[in-house]
Amino acid sequence: MKKKIPLFLFILLIFVSSFLLYTNNQNKYKDITNAAENYVTTGFFNEHKLYKIDKFHLIFSDNNESIMEVTGMEEKPPHKYTTYRLNMKKNKEGLWTVTKHTIQSPFK
């Protein structure tokens, strides 16, 4: 019986810490720049990952939809600068998600 109490407390601690990390990450997605930054700089299968972001430019925004341009250095060599246009939408919980992303041509 005494061996089960520390195991139960350990499992409870893991669940509580996981829940706190999850809610903290969800609150970050309520800010549009954090959601865009997370989308273009993270992800294991993200082929167009940026190493760092130099500029955010909000083109259009209303309460539920926005269009944002993000410029930064690519993670893959030769580390050229790229601009992405992100179409973003706010869901029912107030979290911003990317619905479409396109690579902007460097020649405008």
PDB file of N, CA and C in Angstrom:
ATOM      1  N   MET A   1       0.816  -1.190   0.000  1.00  0.00           N
ATOM      2  CA  MET A   1       0.000   0.000   0.000  1.00  0.00           C
ATOM      3  C   MET A   1       0.860   1.253   0.000  1.00  0.00           C
ATOM      4  N   LYS A   2       1.974   1.227   0.748  1.00  0.00           N
ATOM      5  CA  LYS A   2       2.834   2.396   0.832  1.00  0.00           C
ATOM      6  C   LYS A   2       3.544   2.656  -0.497  1.00  0.00           C
ATOM      7  N   LYS A   3       3.745   1.624  -1.302  1.00  0.00           N
ATOM      8  CA  LYS A   3       4.405   1.800  -2.588  1.00  0.00           C
ATOM      9  C   LYS A   3       3.467   2.428  -3.612  1.00  0.00           C
ATOM     10  N   LYS A   4       2.169   2.285  -3.419  1.00  0.00           N
ATOM     11  CA  LYS A   4       1.208   2.808  -4.379  1.00  0.00           C
ATOM     12  C   LYS A   4       1.011   4.310  -4.227  1.00  0.00           C
ATOM     13  N   ILE A   5       1.185   4.873  -3.054  1.00  0.00           N
ATOM     14  CA  ILE A   5       0.966   6.299  -2.828  1.00  0.00           C
ATOM     15  C   ILE A   5       1.986   7.141  -3.597  1.00  0.00           C
ATOM     16  N   PRO A   6       3.297   6.876  -3.534  1.00  0.00           N
ATOM     17  CA  PRO A   6       4.226   7.678  -4.336  1.00  0.00           C
ATOM     18  C   PRO A   6       4.000   7.529  -5.841  1.00  0.00           C
ATOM     19  N   LEU A   7       3.629   6.341  -6.277  1.00  0.00           N
ATOM     20  CA  LEU A   7       3.335   6.133  -7.692  1.00  0.00           C
ATOM     21  C   LEU A   7       2.129   6.949  -8.110  1.00  0.00           C
ATOM     22  N   PHE A   8       1.088   6.957  -7.291  1.00  0.00           N
ATOM     23  CA  PHE A   8      -0.104   7.744  -7.582  1.00  0.00           C
ATOM     24  C   PHE A   8       0.230   9.235  -7.620  1.00  0.00           C
ATOM     25  N   LEU A   9       1.032   9.712  -6.678  1.00  0.00           N
ATOM     26  CA  LEU A   9       1.420  11.118  -6.659  1.00  0.00           C
ATOM     27  C   LEU A   9       2.269  11.484  -7.876  1.00  0.00           C
ATOM     28  N   PHE A  10       3.131  10.587  -8.291  1.00  0.00           N
ATOM     29  CA  PHE A  10       3.955  10.821  -9.467  1.00  0.00           C
ATOM     30  C   PHE A  10       3.090  10.930 -10.721  1.00  0.00           C
ATOM     31  N   ILE A  11       2.139  10.039 -10.882  1.00  0.00           N
ATOM     32  CA  ILE A  11       1.236  10.074 -12.034  1.00  0.00           C
ATOM     33  C   ILE A  11       0.371  11.329 -11.998  1.00  0.00           C
ATOM     34  N   LEU A  12      -0.099  11.703 -10.829  1.00  0.00           N
ATOM     35  CA  LEU A  12      -0.893  12.919 -10.684  1.00  0.00           C
ATOM     36  C   LEU A  12      -0.064  14.152 -11.044  1.00  0.00           C
ATOM     37  N   LEU A  13       1.176  14.182 -10.632  1.00  0.00           N
ATOM     38  CA  LEU A  13       2.065  15.291 -10.955  1.00  0.00           C
ATOM     39  C   LEU A  13       2.295  15.402 -12.461  1.00  0.00           C
ATOM     40  N   ILE A  14       2.431  14.283 -13.127  1.00  0.00           N
ATOM     41  CA  ILE A  14       2.612  14.295 -14.579  1.00  0.00           C
ATOM     42  C   ILE A  14       1.369  14.849 -15.265  1.00  0.00           C
ATOM     43  N   PHE A  15       0.192  14.430 -14.840  1.00  0.00           N
ATOM     44  CA  PHE A  15      -1.041  14.927 -15.443  1.00  0.00           C
ATOM     45  C   PHE A  15      -1.228  16.415 -15.202  1.00  0.00           C
ATOM     46  N   VAL A  16      -0.962  16.883 -14.011  1.00  0.00           N
ATOM     47  CA  VAL A  16      -1.131  18.301 -13.690  1.00  0.00           C
ATOM     48  C   VAL A  16      -0.145  19.145 -14.488  1.00  0.00           C
ATOM     49  N   SER A  17       1.106  18.731 -14.565  1.00  0.00           N
ATOM     50  CA  SER A  17       2.097  19.502 -15.322  1.00  0.00           C
ATOM     51  C   SER A  17       1.780  19.490 -16.813  1.00  0.00           C
ATOM     52  N   SER A  18       1.297  18.392 -17.346  1.00  0.00           N
ATOM     53  CA  SER A  18       0.908  18.328 -18.753  1.00  0.00           C
ATOM     54  C   SER A  18      -0.255  19.263 -19.037  1.00  0.00           C
ATOM     55  N   PHE A  19      -1.222  19.294 -18.142  1.00  0.00           N
ATOM     56  CA  PHE A  19      -2.367  20.187 -18.309  1.00  0.00           C
ATOM     57  C   PHE A  19      -1.937  21.647 -18.276  1.00  0.00           C
ATOM     58  N   LEU A  20      -1.042  22.003 -17.373  1.00  0.00           N
ATOM     59  CA  LEU A  20      -0.574  23.382 -17.278  1.00  0.00           C
ATOM     60  C   LEU A  20       0.210  23.794 -18.524  1.00  0.00           C
ATOM     61  N   LEU A  21       1.044  22.916 -19.050  1.00  0.00           N
ATOM     62  CA  LEU A  21       1.763  23.218 -20.283  1.00  0.00           C
ATOM     63  C   LEU A  21       0.813  23.373 -21.464  1.00  0.00           C
ATOM     64  N   TYR A  22      -0.204  22.525 -21.526  1.00  0.00           N
ATOM     65  CA  TYR A  22      -1.179  22.599 -22.612  1.00  0.00           C
ATOM     66  C   TYR A  22      -1.940  23.920 -22.576  1.00  0.00           C
ATOM     67  N   THR A  23      -2.421  24.328 -21.402  1.00  0.00           N
ATOM     68  CA  THR A  23      -3.172  25.580 -21.313  1.00  0.00           C
ATOM     69  C   THR A  23      -2.280  26.785 -21.591  1.00  0.00           C
ATOM     70  N   ASN A  24      -1.021  26.719 -21.181  1.00  0.00           N
ATOM     71  CA  ASN A  24      -0.098  27.810 -21.465  1.00  0.00           C
ATOM     72  C   ASN A  24       0.123  27.945 -22.969  1.00  0.00           C
ATOM     73  N   ASN A  25       0.294  26.835 -23.667  1.00  0.00           N
ATOM     74  CA  ASN A  25       0.473  26.885 -25.117  1.00  0.00           C
ATOM     75  C   ASN A  25      -0.784  27.372 -25.818  1.00  0.00           C
ATOM     76  N   GLN A  26      -1.949  26.982 -25.347  1.00  0.00           N
ATOM     77  CA  GLN A  26      -3.192  27.438 -25.963  1.00  0.00           C
ATOM     78  C   GLN A  26      -3.381  28.940 -25.798  1.00  0.00           C
ATOM     79  N   ASN A  27      -2.958  29.491 -24.660  1.00  0.00           N
ATOM     80  CA  ASN A  27      -3.081  30.929 -24.462  1.00  0.00           C
ATOM     81  C   ASN A  27      -2.161  31.709 -25.389  1.00  0.00           C
ATOM     82  N   LYS A  28      -1.040  31.125 -25.789  1.00  0.00           N
ATOM     83  CA  LYS A  28      -0.135  31.792 -26.718  1.00  0.00           C
ATOM     84  C   LYS A  28      -0.773  31.958 -28.094  1.00  0.00           C
ATOM     85  N   TYR A  29      -1.635  31.029 -28.498  1.00  0.00           N
ATOM     86  CA  TYR A  29      -2.265  31.096 -29.814  1.00  0.00           C
ATOM     87  C   TYR A  29      -3.358  32.150 -29.884  1.00  0.00           C
ATOM     88  N   LYS A  30      -3.703  32.788 -28.789  1.00  0.00           N
ATOM     89  CA  LYS A  30      -4.683  33.874 -28.831  1.00  0.00           C
ATOM     90  C   LYS A  30      -4.057  35.151 -29.381  1.00  0.00           C
ATOM     91  N   ASP A  31      -2.743  35.260 -29.367  1.00  0.00           N
ATOM     92  CA  ASP A  31      -2.025  36.383 -29.959  1.00  0.00           C
ATOM     93  C   ASP A  31      -1.641  36.003 -31.384  1.00  0.00           C
ATOM     94  N   ILE A  32      -1.986  36.850 -32.334  1.00  0.00           N
ATOM     95  CA  ILE A  32      -1.797  36.500 -33.743  1.00  0.00           C
ATOM     96  C   ILE A  32      -0.322  36.368 -34.118  1.00  0.00           C
ATOM     97  N   THR A  33       0.551  37.191 -33.542  1.00  0.00           N
ATOM     98  CA  THR A  33       1.966  37.094 -33.897  1.00  0.00           C
ATOM     99  C   THR A  33       2.595  35.828 -33.340  1.00  0.00           C
ATOM    100  N   ASN A  34       2.200  35.417 -32.141  1.00  0.00           N
ATOM    101  CA  ASN A  34       2.719  34.166 -31.590  1.00  0.00           C
ATOM    102  C   ASN A  34       2.256  32.965 -32.401  1.00  0.00           C
ATOM    103  N   ALA A  35       1.005  32.988 -32.862  1.00  0.00           N
ATOM    104  CA  ALA A  35       0.503  31.882 -33.678  1.00  0.00           C
ATOM    105  C   ALA A  35       1.237  31.806 -35.011  1.00  0.00           C
ATOM    106  N   ALA A  36       1.478  32.966 -35.646  1.00  0.00           N
ATOM    107  CA  ALA A  36       2.193  32.976 -36.922  1.00  0.00           C
ATOM    108  C   ALA A  36       3.647  32.548 -36.730  1.00  0.00           C
ATOM    109  N   GLU A  37       4.277  33.032 -35.671  1.00  0.00           N
ATOM    110  CA  GLU A  37       5.669  32.664 -35.407  1.00  0.00           C
ATOM    111  C   GLU A  37       5.806  31.170 -35.154  1.00  0.00           C
ATOM    112  N   ASN A  38       4.902  30.606 -34.378  1.00  0.00           N
ATOM    113  CA  ASN A  38       4.948  29.177 -34.095  1.00  0.00           C
ATOM    114  C   ASN A  38       4.739  28.362 -35.370  1.00  0.00           C
ATOM    115  N   TYR A  39       3.859  28.833 -36.246  1.00  0.00           N
ATOM    116  CA  TYR A  39       3.579  28.088 -37.474  1.00  0.00           C
ATOM    117  C   TYR A  39       4.796  28.037 -38.393  1.00  0.00           C
ATOM    118  N   VAL A  40       5.522  29.163 -38.548  1.00  0.00           N
ATOM    119  CA  VAL A  40       6.611  29.191 -39.524  1.00  0.00           C
ATOM    120  C   VAL A  40       7.962  28.772 -38.941  1.00  0.00           C
ATOM    121  N   THR A  41       8.089  28.642 -37.627  1.00  0.00           N
ATOM    122  CA  THR A  41       9.393  28.282 -37.057  1.00  0.00           C
ATOM    123  C   THR A  41       9.427  26.891 -36.427  1.00  0.00           C
ATOM    124  N   THR A  42       8.303  26.213 -36.316  1.00  0.00           N
ATOM    125  CA  THR A  42       8.288  24.888 -35.691  1.00  0.00           C
ATOM    126  C   THR A  42       7.648  23.870 -36.625  1.00  0.00           C
ATOM    127  N   GLY A  43       7.737  22.629 -36.238  1.00  0.00           N
ATOM    128  CA  GLY A  43       7.099  21.555 -36.978  1.00  0.00           C
ATOM    129  C   GLY A  43       8.121  20.619 -37.604  1.00  0.00           C
ATOM    130  N   PHE A  44       7.974  19.363 -37.328  1.00  0.00           N
ATOM    131  CA  PHE A  44       8.905  18.363 -37.831  1.00  0.00           C
ATOM    132  C   PHE A  44       8.772  18.181 -39.346  1.00  0.00           C
ATOM    133  N   PHE A  45       7.541  18.237 -39.858  1.00  0.00           N
ATOM    134  CA  PHE A  45       7.289  18.032 -41.280  1.00  0.00           C
ATOM    135  C   PHE A  45       7.134  19.340 -42.049  1.00  0.00           C
ATOM    136  N   ASN A  46       7.451  20.466 -41.433  1.00  0.00           N
ATOM    137  CA  ASN A  46       7.337  21.764 -42.079  1.00  0.00           C
ATOM    138  C   ASN A  46       8.504  21.939 -43.054  1.00  0.00           C
ATOM    139  N   GLU A  47       8.225  21.891 -44.357  1.00  0.00           N
ATOM    140  CA  GLU A  47       9.270  22.012 -45.366  1.00  0.00           C
ATOM    141  C   GLU A  47       9.773  23.443 -45.506  1.00  0.00           C
ATOM    142  N   HIS A  48       8.966  24.415 -45.136  1.00  0.00           N
ATOM    143  CA  HIS A  48       9.315  25.821 -45.324  1.00  0.00           C
ATOM    144  C   HIS A  48       9.585  26.493 -43.977  1.00  0.00           C
ATOM    145  N   LYS A  49      10.313  25.822 -43.134  1.00  0.00           N
ATOM    146  CA  LYS A  49      10.577  26.327 -41.793  1.00  0.00           C
ATOM    147  C   LYS A  49      11.573  27.485 -41.849  1.00  0.00           C
ATOM    148  N   LEU A  50      11.306  28.514 -41.055  1.00  0.00           N
ATOM    149  CA  LEU A  50      12.220  29.648 -40.961  1.00  0.00           C
ATOM    150  C   LEU A  50      13.088  29.504 -39.725  1.00  0.00           C
ATOM    151  N   TYR A  51      14.347  29.944 -39.859  1.00  0.00           N
ATOM    152  CA  TYR A  51      15.276  29.917 -38.732  1.00  0.00           C
ATOM    153  C   TYR A  51      14.966  31.052 -37.768  1.00  0.00           C
ATOM    154  N   LYS A  52      14.745  32.237 -38.312  1.00  0.00           N
ATOM    155  CA  LYS A  52      14.356  33.373 -37.483  1.00  0.00           C
ATOM    156  C   LYS A  52      13.460  34.287 -38.300  1.00  0.00           C
ATOM    157  N   ILE A  53      12.676  35.071 -37.615  1.00  0.00           N
ATOM    158  CA  ILE A  53      11.739  35.989 -38.255  1.00  0.00           C
ATOM    159  C   ILE A  53      12.276  37.401 -38.088  1.00  0.00           C
ATOM    160  N   ASP A  54      12.312  38.123 -39.197  1.00  0.00           N
ATOM    161  CA  ASP A  54      12.784  39.504 -39.156  1.00  0.00           C
ATOM    162  C   ASP A  54      11.641  40.514 -39.118  1.00  0.00           C
ATOM    163  N   LYS A  55      10.531  40.191 -39.796  1.00  0.00           N
ATOM    164  CA  LYS A  55       9.480  41.196 -39.913  1.00  0.00           C
ATOM    165  C   LYS A  55       8.099  40.539 -40.008  1.00  0.00           C
ATOM    166  N   PHE A  56       7.153  41.099 -39.284  1.00  0.00           N
ATOM    167  CA  PHE A  56       5.736  40.784 -39.423  1.00  0.00           C
ATOM    168  C   PHE A  56       5.064  41.991 -40.055  1.00  0.00           C
ATOM    169  N   HIS A  57       4.200  41.753 -41.026  1.00  0.00           N
ATOM    170  CA  HIS A  57       3.454  42.856 -41.636  1.00  0.00           C
ATOM    171  C   HIS A  57       1.996  42.417 -41.752  1.00  0.00           C
ATOM    172  N   LEU A  58       1.125  43.071 -41.004  1.00  0.00           N
ATOM    173  CA  LEU A  58      -0.298  42.749 -41.025  1.00  0.00           C
ATOM    174  C   LEU A  58      -0.944  43.512 -42.169  1.00  0.00           C
ATOM    175  N   ILE A  59      -1.429  42.792 -43.171  1.00  0.00           N
ATOM    176  CA  ILE A  59      -2.012  43.409 -44.359  1.00  0.00           C
ATOM    177  C   ILE A  59      -3.490  43.720 -44.141  1.00  0.00           C
ATOM    178  N   PHE A  60      -4.221  42.745 -43.608  1.00  0.00           N
ATOM    179  CA  PHE A  60      -5.656  42.909 -43.396  1.00  0.00           C
ATOM    180  C   PHE A  60      -6.038  42.175 -42.126  1.00  0.00           C
ATOM    181  N   SER A  61      -6.964  42.763 -41.385  1.00  0.00           N
ATOM    182  CA  SER A  61      -7.460  42.075 -40.194  1.00  0.00           C
ATOM    183  C   SER A  61      -8.828  42.606 -39.821  1.00  0.00           C
ATOM    184  N   ASP A  62      -9.715  41.689 -39.519  1.00  0.00           N
ATOM    185  CA  ASP A  62     -10.957  42.031 -38.831  1.00  0.00           C
ATOM    186  C   ASP A  62     -11.012  41.126 -37.603  1.00  0.00           C
ATOM    187  N   ASN A  63     -12.148  40.960 -37.003  1.00  0.00           N
ATOM    188  CA  ASN A  63     -12.206  40.195 -35.761  1.00  0.00           C
ATOM    189  C   ASN A  63     -11.936  38.708 -35.946  1.00  0.00           C
ATOM    190  N   ASN A  64     -12.194  38.164 -37.126  1.00  0.00           N
ATOM    191  CA  ASN A  64     -12.111  36.712 -37.301  1.00  0.00           C
ATOM    192  C   ASN A  64     -11.107  36.250 -38.344  1.00  0.00           C
ATOM    193  N   GLU A  65     -10.696  37.105 -39.262  1.00  0.00           N
ATOM    194  CA  GLU A  65      -9.774  36.713 -40.314  1.00  0.00           C
ATOM    195  C   GLU A  65      -8.676  37.754 -40.451  1.00  0.00           C
ATOM    196  N   SER A  66      -7.516  37.301 -40.927  1.00  0.00           N
ATOM    197  CA  SER A  66      -6.422  38.238 -41.160  1.00  0.00           C
ATOM    198  C   SER A  66      -5.502  37.684 -42.231  1.00  0.00           C
ATOM    199  N   ILE A  67      -4.749  38.596 -42.830  1.00  0.00           N
ATOM    200  CA  ILE A  67      -3.712  38.246 -43.788  1.00  0.00           C
ATOM    201  C   ILE A  67      -2.434  38.896 -43.282  1.00  0.00           C
ATOM    202  N   MET A  68      -1.381  38.087 -43.130  1.00  0.00           N
ATOM    203  CA  MET A  68      -0.130  38.572 -42.564  1.00  0.00           C
ATOM    204  C   MET A  68       1.026  38.101 -43.430  1.00  0.00           C
ATOM    205  N   GLU A  69       2.007  38.991 -43.621  1.00  0.00           N
ATOM    206  CA  GLU A  69       3.241  38.612 -44.288  1.00  0.00           C
ATOM    207  C   GLU A  69       4.335  38.467 -43.239  1.00  0.00           C
ATOM    208  N   VAL A  70       5.074  37.379 -43.338  1.00  0.00           N
ATOM    209  CA  VAL A  70       6.159  37.088 -42.410  1.00  0.00           C
ATOM    210  C   VAL A  70       7.433  36.926 -43.230  1.00  0.00           C
ATOM    211  N   THR A  71       8.466  37.682 -42.894  1.00  0.00           N
ATOM    212  CA  THR A  71       9.749  37.623 -43.592  1.00  0.00           C
ATOM    213  C   THR A  71      10.810  37.116 -42.637  1.00  0.00           C
ATOM    214  N   GLY A  72      11.620  36.188 -43.120  1.00  0.00           N
ATOM    215  CA  GLY A  72      12.683  35.654 -42.282  1.00  0.00           C
ATOM    216  C   GLY A  72      13.670  34.822 -43.063  1.00  0.00           C
ATOM    217  N   MET A  73      14.660  34.311 -42.351  1.00  0.00           N
ATOM    218  CA  MET A  73      15.711  33.509 -42.940  1.00  0.00           C
ATOM    219  C   MET A  73      15.333  32.030 -42.862  1.00  0.00           C
ATOM    220  N   GLU A  74      15.491  31.336 -43.995  1.00  0.00           N
ATOM    221  CA  GLU A  74      15.167  29.910 -44.032  1.00  0.00           C
ATOM    222  C   GLU A  74      16.129  29.107 -43.187  1.00  0.00           C
ATOM    223  N   GLU A  75      15.629  27.972 -42.689  1.00  0.00           N
ATOM    224  CA  GLU A  75      16.467  27.110 -41.865  1.00  0.00           C
ATOM    225  C   GLU A  75      17.444  26.290 -42.694  1.00  0.00           C
ATOM    226  N   LYS A  76      17.039  25.926 -43.914  1.00  0.00           N
ATOM    227  CA  LYS A  76      17.897  25.102 -44.768  1.00  0.00           C
ATOM    228  C   LYS A  76      18.939  25.988 -45.463  1.00  0.00           C
ATOM    229  N   PRO A  77      20.156  25.470 -45.613  1.00  0.00           N
ATOM    230  CA  PRO A  77      21.165  26.229 -46.359  1.00  0.00           C
ATOM    231  C   PRO A  77      20.701  26.426 -47.790  1.00  0.00           C
ATOM    232  N   PRO A  78      20.954  27.513 -48.401  1.00  0.00           N
ATOM    233  CA  PRO A  78      21.861  28.620 -48.152  1.00  0.00           C
ATOM    234  C   PRO A  78      21.259  29.748 -47.314  1.00  0.00           C
ATOM    235  N   HIS A  79      20.249  29.512 -46.548  1.00  0.00           N
ATOM    236  CA  HIS A  79      19.653  30.462 -45.605  1.00  0.00           C
ATOM    237  C   HIS A  79      19.218  31.756 -46.285  1.00  0.00           C
ATOM    238  N   LYS A  80      18.492  31.642 -47.370  1.00  0.00           N
ATOM    239  CA  LYS A  80      18.025  32.837 -48.059  1.00  0.00           C
ATOM    240  C   LYS A  80      16.805  33.414 -47.334  1.00  0.00           C
ATOM    241  N   TYR A  81      16.540  34.683 -47.575  1.00  0.00           N
ATOM    242  CA  TYR A  81      15.399  35.348 -46.958  1.00  0.00           C
ATOM    243  C   TYR A  81      14.154  35.086 -47.786  1.00  0.00           C
ATOM    244  N   THR A  82      13.068  34.754 -47.101  1.00  0.00           N
ATOM    245  CA  THR A  82      11.825  34.385 -47.741  1.00  0.00           C
ATOM    246  C   THR A  82      10.672  35.112 -47.065  1.00  0.00           C
ATOM    247  N   THR A  83       9.651  35.413 -47.851  1.00  0.00           N
ATOM    248  CA  THR A  83       8.440  36.034 -47.323  1.00  0.00           C
ATOM    249  C   THR A  83       7.268  35.098 -47.559  1.00  0.00           C
ATOM    250  N   TYR A  84       6.512  34.844 -46.514  1.00  0.00           N
ATOM    251  CA  TYR A  84       5.308  34.026 -46.590  1.00  0.00           C
ATOM    252  C   TYR A  84       4.092  34.887 -46.345  1.00  0.00           C
ATOM    253  N   ARG A  85       3.027  34.621 -47.073  1.00  0.00           N
ATOM    254  CA  ARG A  85       1.745  35.262 -46.818  1.00  0.00           C
ATOM    255  C   ARG A  85       0.858  34.227 -46.139  1.00  0.00           C
ATOM    256  N   LEU A  86       0.429  34.533 -44.917  1.00  0.00           N
ATOM    257  CA  LEU A  86      -0.388  33.613 -44.125  1.00  0.00           C
ATOM    258  C   LEU A  86      -1.815  34.125 -44.050  1.00  0.00           C
ATOM    259  N   ASN A  87      -2.758  33.293 -44.458  1.00  0.00           N
ATOM    260  CA  ASN A  87      -4.168  33.583 -44.231  1.00  0.00           C
ATOM    261  C   ASN A  87      -4.542  32.899 -42.926  1.00  0.00           C
ATOM    262  N   MET A  88      -5.030  33.677 -41.971  1.00  0.00           N
ATOM    263  CA  MET A  88      -5.310  33.146 -40.642  1.00  0.00           C
ATOM    264  C   MET A  88      -6.762  33.388 -40.282  1.00  0.00           C
ATOM    265  N   LYS A  89      -7.280  32.473 -39.479  1.00  0.00           N
ATOM    266  CA  LYS A  89      -8.671  32.549 -39.048  1.00  0.00           C
ATOM    267  C   LYS A  89      -8.745  32.257 -37.561  1.00  0.00           C
ATOM    268  N   LYS A  90      -9.641  32.950 -36.878  1.00  0.00           N
ATOM    269  CA  LYS A  90      -9.836  32.730 -35.452  1.00  0.00           C
ATOM    270  C   LYS A  90     -10.987  31.743 -35.263  1.00  0.00           C
ATOM    271  N   ASN A  91     -10.752  30.704 -34.440  1.00  0.00           N
ATOM    272  CA  ASN A  91     -11.804  29.704 -34.219  1.00  0.00           C
ATOM    273  C   ASN A  91     -12.706  30.121 -33.054  1.00  0.00           C
ATOM    274  N   LYS A  92     -13.620  29.243 -32.658  1.00  0.00           N
ATOM    275  CA  LYS A  92     -14.595  29.563 -31.612  1.00  0.00           C
ATOM    276  C   LYS A  92     -13.959  29.854 -30.261  1.00  0.00           C
ATOM    277  N   GLU A  93     -12.820  29.240 -29.986  1.00  0.00           N
ATOM    278  CA  GLU A  93     -12.136  29.449 -28.703  1.00  0.00           C
ATOM    279  C   GLU A  93     -11.285  30.716 -28.701  1.00  0.00           C
ATOM    280  N   GLY A  94     -11.194  31.403 -29.841  1.00  0.00           N
ATOM    281  CA  GLY A  94     -10.395  32.615 -29.930  1.00  0.00           C
ATOM    282  C   GLY A  94      -8.942  32.363 -30.256  1.00  0.00           C
ATOM    283  N   LEU A  95      -8.620  31.180 -30.788  1.00  0.00           N
ATOM    284  CA  LEU A  95      -7.249  30.824 -31.132  1.00  0.00           C
ATOM    285  C   LEU A  95      -7.041  31.019 -32.631  1.00  0.00           C
ATOM    286  N   TRP A  96      -5.918  31.635 -33.006  1.00  0.00           N
ATOM    287  CA  TRP A  96      -5.599  31.863 -34.410  1.00  0.00           C
ATOM    288  C   TRP A  96      -4.974  30.613 -35.022  1.00  0.00           C
ATOM    289  N   THR A  97      -5.474  30.234 -36.201  1.00  0.00           N
ATOM    290  CA  THR A  97      -4.925  29.104 -36.943  1.00  0.00           C
ATOM    291  C   THR A  97      -4.649  29.553 -38.375  1.00  0.00           C
ATOM    292  N   VAL A  98      -3.641  28.962 -38.993  1.00  0.00           N
ATOM    293  CA  VAL A  98      -3.289  29.280 -40.374  1.00  0.00           C
ATOM    294  C   VAL A  98      -4.127  28.400 -41.287  1.00  0.00           C
ATOM    295  N   THR A  99      -4.876  29.027 -42.194  1.00  0.00           N
ATOM    296  CA  THR A  99      -5.697  28.278 -43.131  1.00  0.00           C
ATOM    297  C   THR A  99      -4.981  28.060 -44.457  1.00  0.00           C
ATOM    298  N   LYS A 100      -4.108  29.001 -44.834  1.00  0.00           N
ATOM    299  CA  LYS A 100      -3.399  28.881 -46.102  1.00  0.00           C
ATOM    300  C   LYS A 100      -2.091  29.664 -45.995  1.00  0.00           C
ATOM    301  N   HIS A 101      -1.027  29.114 -46.560  1.00  0.00           N
ATOM    302  CA  HIS A 101       0.224  29.863 -46.626  1.00  0.00           C
ATOM    303  C   HIS A 101       0.782  29.777 -48.042  1.00  0.00           C
ATOM    304  N   THR A 102       1.323  30.894 -48.505  1.00  0.00           N
ATOM    305  CA  THR A 102       1.930  30.941 -49.831  1.00  0.00           C
ATOM    306  C   THR A 102       3.281  31.628 -49.725  1.00  0.00           C
ATOM    307  N   ILE A 103       4.200  31.209 -50.575  1.00  0.00           N
ATOM    308  CA  ILE A 103       5.511  31.837 -50.649  1.00  0.00           C
ATOM    309  C   ILE A 103       5.403  33.022 -51.590  1.00  0.00           C
ATOM    310  N   GLN A 104       5.806  34.186 -51.113  1.00  0.00           N
ATOM    311  CA  GLN A 104       5.780  35.372 -51.934  1.00  0.00           C
ATOM    312  C   GLN A 104       7.013  35.410 -52.827  1.00  0.00           C
ATOM    313  N   SER A 105       6.828  35.859 -54.054  1.00  0.00           N
ATOM    314  CA  SER A 105       7.939  35.960 -54.982  1.00  0.00           C
ATOM    315  C   SER A 105       8.859  37.096 -54.551  1.00  0.00           C
ATOM    316  N   PRO A 106      10.178  36.889 -54.625  1.00  0.00           N
ATOM    317  CA  PRO A 106      11.088  37.968 -54.245  1.00  0.00           C
ATOM    318  C   PRO A 106      11.070  39.122 -55.259  1.00  0.00           C
ATOM    319  N   PHE A 107      10.509  38.868 -56.443  1.00  0.00           N
ATOM    320  CA  PHE A 107      10.451  39.908 -57.490  1.00  0.00           C
ATOM    321  C   PHE A 107       9.037  40.440 -57.573  1.00  0.00           C
ATOM    322  N   LYS A 108       8.799  41.594 -56.976  1.00  0.00           N
ATOM    323  CA  LYS A 108       7.455  42.184 -57.018  1.00  0.00           C
ATOM    324  C   LYS A 108       7.393  43.291 -58.024  1.00  0.00           C
TER     325      LYS A 108
END
